[in-house]
Amino acid sequence: SVALVIFSLWKPLVCVFGSFVFGLLYIA
């Protein structure tokens, strides 16, 4: 979750997309 903050560039709406990407990668 902390890493996602950086990935999403500190933007909550980008975080929605980033969380899905992280999910895809985490359970790949």
PDB file of all heavy atoms in Angstrom:
ATOM      1  N   SER A   1       0.831  -1.206   0.000  1.00  0.00           N
ATOM      2  CA  SER A   1       0.000   0.000   0.000  1.00  0.00           C
ATOM      3  C   SER A   1       0.867   1.258   0.000  1.00  0.00           C
ATOM      4  O   SER A   1       0.559   2.236  -0.683  1.00  0.00           O
ATOM      5  CB  SER A   1      -0.929   0.000   1.217  1.00  0.00           C
ATOM      6  OG  SER A   1      -1.820  -1.093   1.181  1.00  0.00           O
ATOM      7  N   VAL A   2       1.952   1.224   0.762  1.00  0.00           N
ATOM      8  CA  VAL A   2       2.880   2.354   0.786  1.00  0.00           C
ATOM      9  C   VAL A   2       3.523   2.537  -0.584  1.00  0.00           C
ATOM     10  O   VAL A   2       3.669   3.662  -1.078  1.00  0.00           O
ATOM     11  CB  VAL A   2       3.959   2.153   1.868  1.00  0.00           C
ATOM     12  CG1 VAL A   2       4.992   3.272   1.813  1.00  0.00           C
ATOM     13  CG2 VAL A   2       3.326   2.097   3.256  1.00  0.00           C
ATOM     14  N   ALA A   3       3.887   1.406  -1.222  1.00  0.00           N
ATOM     15  CA  ALA A   3       4.484   1.469  -2.561  1.00  0.00           C
ATOM     16  C   ALA A   3       3.489   2.023  -3.581  1.00  0.00           C
ATOM     17  O   ALA A   3       3.868   2.748  -4.505  1.00  0.00           O
ATOM     18  CB  ALA A   3       4.953   0.077  -2.986  1.00  0.00           C
ATOM     19  N   LEU A   4       2.213   1.691  -3.405  1.00  0.00           N
ATOM     20  CA  LEU A   4       1.182   2.160  -4.336  1.00  0.00           C
ATOM     21  C   LEU A   4       1.052   3.682  -4.310  1.00  0.00           C
ATOM     22  O   LEU A   4       0.702   4.294  -5.328  1.00  0.00           O
ATOM     23  CB  LEU A   4      -0.161   1.508  -4.000  1.00  0.00           C
ATOM     24  CG  LEU A   4      -1.370   1.914  -4.850  1.00  0.00           C
ATOM     25  CD1 LEU A   4      -1.111   1.646  -6.332  1.00  0.00           C
ATOM     26  CD2 LEU A   4      -2.624   1.175  -4.392  1.00  0.00           C
ATOM     27  N   VAL A   5       1.313   4.294  -3.173  1.00  0.00           N
ATOM     28  CA  VAL A   5       1.256   5.758  -3.074  1.00  0.00           C
ATOM     29  C   VAL A   5       2.228   6.378  -4.075  1.00  0.00           C
ATOM     30  O   VAL A   5       1.898   7.337  -4.785  1.00  0.00           O
ATOM     31  CB  VAL A   5       1.597   6.228  -1.649  1.00  0.00           C
ATOM     32  CG1 VAL A   5       1.657   7.752  -1.586  1.00  0.00           C
ATOM     33  CG2 VAL A   5       0.571   5.703  -0.658  1.00  0.00           C
ATOM     34  N   ILE A   6       3.419   5.811  -4.160  1.00  0.00           N
ATOM     35  CA  ILE A   6       4.436   6.314  -5.093  1.00  0.00           C
ATOM     36  C   ILE A   6       4.018   6.005  -6.524  1.00  0.00           C
ATOM     37  O   ILE A   6       4.108   6.843  -7.419  1.00  0.00           O
ATOM     38  CB  ILE A   6       5.803   5.680  -4.790  1.00  0.00           C
ATOM     39  CG1 ILE A   6       6.215   5.988  -3.355  1.00  0.00           C
ATOM     40  CG2 ILE A   6       6.861   6.183  -5.772  1.00  0.00           C
ATOM     41  CD1 ILE A   6       7.439   5.219  -2.891  1.00  0.00           C
ATOM     42  N   PHE A   7       3.524   4.779  -6.743  1.00  0.00           N
ATOM     43  CA  PHE A   7       3.104   4.354  -8.076  1.00  0.00           C
ATOM     44  C   PHE A   7       2.002   5.268  -8.616  1.00  0.00           C
ATOM     45  O   PHE A   7       1.976   5.597  -9.804  1.00  0.00           O
ATOM     46  CB  PHE A   7       2.606   2.911  -8.022  1.00  0.00           C
ATOM     47  CG  PHE A   7       2.190   2.340  -9.354  1.00  0.00           C
ATOM     48  CD1 PHE A   7       3.102   1.667 -10.153  1.00  0.00           C
ATOM     49  CD2 PHE A   7       0.888   2.474  -9.803  1.00  0.00           C
ATOM     50  CE1 PHE A   7       2.727   1.143 -11.380  1.00  0.00           C
ATOM     51  CE2 PHE A   7       0.490   1.946 -11.018  1.00  0.00           C
ATOM     52  CZ  PHE A   7       1.420   1.279 -11.820  1.00  0.00           C
ATOM     53  N   SER A   8       1.087   5.676  -7.750  1.00  0.00           N
ATOM     54  CA  SER A   8      -0.053   6.495  -8.169  1.00  0.00           C
ATOM     55  C   SER A   8       0.250   7.991  -8.156  1.00  0.00           C
ATOM     56  O   SER A   8      -0.655   8.809  -8.380  1.00  0.00           O
ATOM     57  CB  SER A   8      -1.263   6.211  -7.281  1.00  0.00           C
ATOM     58  OG  SER A   8      -0.976   6.527  -5.932  1.00  0.00           O
ATOM     59  N   LEU A   9       1.502   8.345  -7.877  1.00  0.00           N
ATOM     60  CA  LEU A   9       1.936   9.747  -7.905  1.00  0.00           C
ATOM     61  C   LEU A   9       1.142  10.634  -6.938  1.00  0.00           C
ATOM     62  O   LEU A   9       0.842  11.781  -7.237  1.00  0.00           O
ATOM     63  CB  LEU A   9       1.823  10.312  -9.337  1.00  0.00           C
ATOM     64  CG  LEU A   9       2.549   9.498 -10.427  1.00  0.00           C
ATOM     65  CD1 LEU A   9       2.280  10.094 -11.799  1.00  0.00           C
ATOM     66  CD2 LEU A   9       4.034   9.431 -10.138  1.00  0.00           C
ATOM     67  N   TRP A  10       0.782  10.060  -5.805  1.00  0.00           N
ATOM     68  CA  TRP A  10       0.099  10.784  -4.741  1.00  0.00           C
ATOM     69  C   TRP A  10      -1.273  11.322  -5.189  1.00  0.00           C
ATOM     70  O   TRP A  10      -1.743  12.339  -4.709  1.00  0.00           O
ATOM     71  CB  TRP A  10       0.972  11.925  -4.209  1.00  0.00           C
ATOM     72  CG  TRP A  10       2.191  11.433  -3.519  1.00  0.00           C
ATOM     73  CD1 TRP A  10       2.342  11.184  -2.190  1.00  0.00           C
ATOM     74  CD2 TRP A  10       3.461  11.093  -4.125  1.00  0.00           C
ATOM     75  NE1 TRP A  10       3.612  10.706  -1.934  1.00  0.00           N
ATOM     76  CE2 TRP A  10       4.319  10.647  -3.108  1.00  0.00           C
ATOM     77  CE3 TRP A  10       3.941  11.135  -5.437  1.00  0.00           C
ATOM     78  CZ2 TRP A  10       5.610  10.242  -3.349  1.00  0.00           C
ATOM     79  CZ3 TRP A  10       5.237  10.722  -5.678  1.00  0.00           C
ATOM     80  CH2 TRP A  10       6.061  10.283  -4.633  1.00  0.00           C
ATOM     81  N   LYS A  11      -1.926  10.605  -6.104  1.00  0.00           N
ATOM     82  CA  LYS A  11      -3.237  11.021  -6.616  1.00  0.00           C
ATOM     83  C   LYS A  11      -4.258   9.903  -6.365  1.00  0.00           C
ATOM     84  O   LYS A  11      -4.110   8.796  -6.888  1.00  0.00           O
ATOM     85  CB  LYS A  11      -3.151  11.329  -8.110  1.00  0.00           C
ATOM     86  CG  LYS A  11      -2.200  12.478  -8.435  1.00  0.00           C
ATOM     87  CD  LYS A  11      -2.039  12.680  -9.928  1.00  0.00           C
ATOM     88  CE  LYS A  11      -1.049  13.802 -10.227  1.00  0.00           C
ATOM     89  NZ  LYS A  11      -0.833  13.988 -11.680  1.00  0.00           N
ATOM     90  N   PRO A  12      -5.293  10.162  -5.569  1.00  0.00           N
ATOM     91  CA  PRO A  12      -6.270   9.121  -5.201  1.00  0.00           C
ATOM     92  C   PRO A  12      -6.958   8.448  -6.386  1.00  0.00           C
ATOM     93  O   PRO A  12      -7.173   7.237  -6.373  1.00  0.00           O
ATOM     94  CB  PRO A  12      -7.289   9.888  -4.339  1.00  0.00           C
ATOM     95  CG  PRO A  12      -6.524  11.039  -3.790  1.00  0.00           C
ATOM     96  CD  PRO A  12      -5.571  11.438  -4.872  1.00  0.00           C
ATOM     97  N   LEU A  13      -7.307   9.206  -7.423  1.00  0.00           N
ATOM     98  CA  LEU A  13      -7.989   8.608  -8.571  1.00  0.00           C
ATOM     99  C   LEU A  13      -7.055   7.705  -9.376  1.00  0.00           C
ATOM    100  O   LEU A  13      -7.460   6.647  -9.850  1.00  0.00           O
ATOM    101  CB  LEU A  13      -8.584   9.702  -9.477  1.00  0.00           C
ATOM    102  CG  LEU A  13      -9.736  10.507  -8.868  1.00  0.00           C
ATOM    103  CD1 LEU A  13     -10.296  11.488  -9.892  1.00  0.00           C
ATOM    104  CD2 LEU A  13     -10.846   9.585  -8.373  1.00  0.00           C
ATOM    105  N   VAL A  14      -5.801   8.118  -9.509  1.00  0.00           N
ATOM    106  CA  VAL A  14      -4.815   7.261 -10.169  1.00  0.00           C
ATOM    107  C   VAL A  14      -4.591   6.009  -9.329  1.00  0.00           C
ATOM    108  O   VAL A  14      -4.306   4.933  -9.841  1.00  0.00           O
ATOM    109  CB  VAL A  14      -3.486   8.011 -10.379  1.00  0.00           C
ATOM    110  CG1 VAL A  14      -2.440   7.104 -11.025  1.00  0.00           C
ATOM    111  CG2 VAL A  14      -3.708   9.247 -11.237  1.00  0.00           C
ATOM    112  N   CYS A  15      -4.758   6.158  -8.027  1.00  0.00           N
ATOM    113  CA  CYS A  15      -4.592   5.053  -7.094  1.00  0.00           C
ATOM    114  C   CYS A  15      -5.600   3.932  -7.369  1.00  0.00           C
ATOM    115  O   CYS A  15      -5.296   2.751  -7.159  1.00  0.00           O
ATOM    116  CB  CYS A  15      -4.753   5.576  -5.670  1.00  0.00           C
ATOM    117  SG  CYS A  15      -4.100   4.480  -4.414  1.00  0.00           S
ATOM    118  N   VAL A  16      -6.797   4.291  -7.835  1.00  0.00           N
ATOM    119  CA  VAL A  16      -7.806   3.278  -8.162  1.00  0.00           C
ATOM    120  C   VAL A  16      -7.276   2.375  -9.278  1.00  0.00           C
ATOM    121  O   VAL A  16      -7.349   1.142  -9.188  1.00  0.00           O
ATOM    122  CB  VAL A  16      -9.130   3.940  -8.595  1.00  0.00           C
ATOM    123  CG1 VAL A  16     -10.135   2.883  -9.035  1.00  0.00           C
ATOM    124  CG2 VAL A  16      -9.704   4.777  -7.456  1.00  0.00           C
ATOM    125  N   PHE A  17      -6.738   2.977 -10.324  1.00  0.00           N
ATOM    126  CA  PHE A  17      -6.157   2.210 -11.427  1.00  0.00           C
ATOM    127  C   PHE A  17      -4.924   1.445 -10.953  1.00  0.00           C
ATOM    128  O   PHE A  17      -4.739   0.268 -11.274  1.00  0.00           O
ATOM    129  CB  PHE A  17      -5.791   3.145 -12.573  1.00  0.00           C
ATOM    130  CG  PHE A  17      -4.937   2.513 -13.637  1.00  0.00           C
ATOM    131  CD1 PHE A  17      -5.483   1.613 -14.549  1.00  0.00           C
ATOM    132  CD2 PHE A  17      -3.577   2.794 -13.710  1.00  0.00           C
ATOM    133  CE1 PHE A  17      -4.696   1.017 -15.512  1.00  0.00           C
ATOM    134  CE2 PHE A  17      -2.775   2.208 -14.681  1.00  0.00           C
ATOM    135  CZ  PHE A  17      -3.335   1.309 -15.591  1.00  0.00           C
ATOM    136  N   GLY A  18      -4.079   2.124 -10.172  1.00  0.00           N
ATOM    137  CA  GLY A  18      -2.858   1.491  -9.691  1.00  0.00           C
ATOM    138  C   GLY A  18      -3.126   0.284  -8.812  1.00  0.00           C
ATOM    139  O   GLY A  18      -2.391  -0.711  -8.865  1.00  0.00           O
ATOM    140  N   SER A  19      -4.176   0.343  -8.018  1.00  0.00           N
ATOM    141  CA  SER A  19      -4.506  -0.788  -7.142  1.00  0.00           C
ATOM    142  C   SER A  19      -4.872  -2.019  -7.968  1.00  0.00           C
ATOM    143  O   SER A  19      -4.540  -3.146  -7.598  1.00  0.00           O
ATOM    144  CB  SER A  19      -5.657  -0.418  -6.207  1.00  0.00           C
ATOM    145  OG  SER A  19      -6.858  -0.188  -6.925  1.00  0.00           O
ATOM    146  N   PHE A  20      -5.560  -1.802  -9.091  1.00  0.00           N
ATOM    147  CA  PHE A  20      -5.917  -2.912  -9.983  1.00  0.00           C
ATOM    148  C   PHE A  20      -4.660  -3.505 -10.617  1.00  0.00           C
ATOM    149  O   PHE A  20      -4.509  -4.732 -10.710  1.00  0.00           O
ATOM    150  CB  PHE A  20      -6.881  -2.425 -11.061  1.00  0.00           C
ATOM    151  CG  PHE A  20      -7.290  -3.487 -12.045  1.00  0.00           C
ATOM    152  CD1 PHE A  20      -7.978  -4.616 -11.633  1.00  0.00           C
ATOM    153  CD2 PHE A  20      -6.983  -3.358 -13.391  1.00  0.00           C
ATOM    154  CE1 PHE A  20      -8.355  -5.607 -12.537  1.00  0.00           C
ATOM    155  CE2 PHE A  20      -7.355  -4.335 -14.296  1.00  0.00           C
ATOM    156  CZ  PHE A  20      -8.039  -5.460 -13.877  1.00  0.00           C
ATOM    157  N   VAL A  21      -3.741  -2.645 -11.035  1.00  0.00           N
ATOM    158  CA  VAL A  21      -2.477  -3.111 -11.608  1.00  0.00           C
ATOM    159  C   VAL A  21      -1.689  -3.915 -10.582  1.00  0.00           C
ATOM    160  O   VAL A  21      -1.153  -4.997 -10.882  1.00  0.00           O
ATOM    161  CB  VAL A  21      -1.631  -1.927 -12.114  1.00  0.00           C
ATOM    162  CG1 VAL A  21      -0.245  -2.401 -12.564  1.00  0.00           C
ATOM    163  CG2 VAL A  21      -2.334  -1.218 -13.258  1.00  0.00           C
ATOM    164  N   PHE A  22      -1.627  -3.415  -9.361  1.00  0.00           N
ATOM    165  CA  PHE A  22      -0.928  -4.130  -8.300  1.00  0.00           C
ATOM    166  C   PHE A  22      -1.574  -5.487  -8.047  1.00  0.00           C
ATOM    167  O   PHE A  22      -0.892  -6.482  -7.800  1.00  0.00           O
ATOM    168  CB  PHE A  22      -0.935  -3.300  -7.006  1.00  0.00           C
ATOM    169  CG  PHE A  22       0.263  -2.406  -6.852  1.00  0.00           C
ATOM    170  CD1 PHE A  22       0.828  -1.782  -7.946  1.00  0.00           C
ATOM    171  CD2 PHE A  22       0.830  -2.173  -5.609  1.00  0.00           C
ATOM    172  CE1 PHE A  22       1.925  -0.957  -7.821  1.00  0.00           C
ATOM    173  CE2 PHE A  22       1.938  -1.355  -5.461  1.00  0.00           C
ATOM    174  CZ  PHE A  22       2.479  -0.746  -6.570  1.00  0.00           C
ATOM    175  N   GLY A  23      -2.917  -5.512  -8.082  1.00  0.00           N
ATOM    176  CA  GLY A  23      -3.623  -6.775  -7.903  1.00  0.00           C
ATOM    177  C   GLY A  23      -3.281  -7.770  -8.990  1.00  0.00           C
ATOM    178  O   GLY A  23      -3.049  -8.957  -8.725  1.00  0.00           O
ATOM    179  N   LEU A  24      -3.253  -7.305 -10.232  1.00  0.00           N
ATOM    180  CA  LEU A  24      -2.902  -8.170 -11.366  1.00  0.00           C
ATOM    181  C   LEU A  24      -1.506  -8.768 -11.192  1.00  0.00           C
ATOM    182  O   LEU A  24      -1.291  -9.964 -11.426  1.00  0.00           O
ATOM    183  CB  LEU A  24      -2.958  -7.378 -12.676  1.00  0.00           C
ATOM    184  CG  LEU A  24      -4.341  -6.985 -13.210  1.00  0.00           C
ATOM    185  CD1 LEU A  24      -4.181  -6.054 -14.405  1.00  0.00           C
ATOM    186  CD2 LEU A  24      -5.144  -8.222 -13.607  1.00  0.00           C
ATOM    187  N   LEU A  25      -0.572  -7.921 -10.782  1.00  0.00           N
ATOM    188  CA  LEU A  25       0.807  -8.379 -10.628  1.00  0.00           C
ATOM    189  C   LEU A  25       0.978  -9.292  -9.417  1.00  0.00           C
ATOM    190  O   LEU A  25       1.718 -10.278  -9.469  1.00  0.00           O
ATOM    191  CB  LEU A  25       1.739  -7.166 -10.503  1.00  0.00           C
ATOM    192  CG  LEU A  25       1.814  -6.237 -11.719  1.00  0.00           C
ATOM    193  CD1 LEU A  25       2.662  -5.014 -11.399  1.00  0.00           C
ATOM    194  CD2 LEU A  25       2.383  -6.969 -12.925  1.00  0.00           C
ATOM    195  N   TYR A  26       0.274  -8.973  -8.334  1.00  0.00           N
ATOM    196  CA  TYR A  26       0.458  -9.706  -7.083  1.00  0.00           C
ATOM    197  C   TYR A  26      -0.014 -11.158  -7.184  1.00  0.00           C
ATOM    198  O   TYR A  26       0.586 -12.055  -6.592  1.00  0.00           O
ATOM    199  CB  TYR A  26      -0.285  -8.986  -5.954  1.00  0.00           C
ATOM    200  CG  TYR A  26       0.011  -9.542  -4.579  1.00  0.00           C
ATOM    201  CD1 TYR A  26       1.215  -9.263  -3.945  1.00  0.00           C
ATOM    202  CD2 TYR A  26      -0.919 -10.344  -3.907  1.00  0.00           C
ATOM    203  CE1 TYR A  26       1.500  -9.767  -2.685  1.00  0.00           C
ATOM    204  CE2 TYR A  26      -0.650 -10.843  -2.652  1.00  0.00           C
ATOM    205  CZ  TYR A  26       0.559 -10.558  -2.044  1.00  0.00           C
ATOM    206  OH  TYR A  26       0.821 -11.061  -0.809  1.00  0.00           O
ATOM    207  N   ILE A  27      -1.107 -11.393  -7.914  1.00  0.00           N
ATOM    208  CA  ILE A  27      -1.652 -12.751  -8.004  1.00  0.00           C
ATOM    209  C   ILE A  27      -1.376 -13.406  -9.359  1.00  0.00           C
ATOM    210  O   ILE A  27      -1.954 -14.437  -9.689  1.00  0.00           O
ATOM    211  CB  ILE A  27      -3.167 -12.766  -7.732  1.00  0.00           C
ATOM    212  CG1 ILE A  27      -3.912 -11.951  -8.781  1.00  0.00           C
ATOM    213  CG2 ILE A  27      -3.471 -12.258  -6.332  1.00  0.00           C
ATOM    214  CD1 ILE A  27      -5.424 -12.044  -8.658  1.00  0.00           C
ATOM    215  N   ALA A  28      -0.475 -12.793 -10.145  1.00  0.00           N
ATOM    216  CA  ALA A  28      -0.181 -13.326 -11.482  1.00  0.00           C
ATOM    217  C   ALA A  28       0.304 -14.773 -11.416  1.00  0.00           C
ATOM    218  O   ALA A  28      -0.064 -15.604 -12.253  1.00  0.00           O
ATOM    219  CB  ALA A  28       0.863 -12.446 -12.171  1.00  0.00           C
TER     220      ALA A  28
END
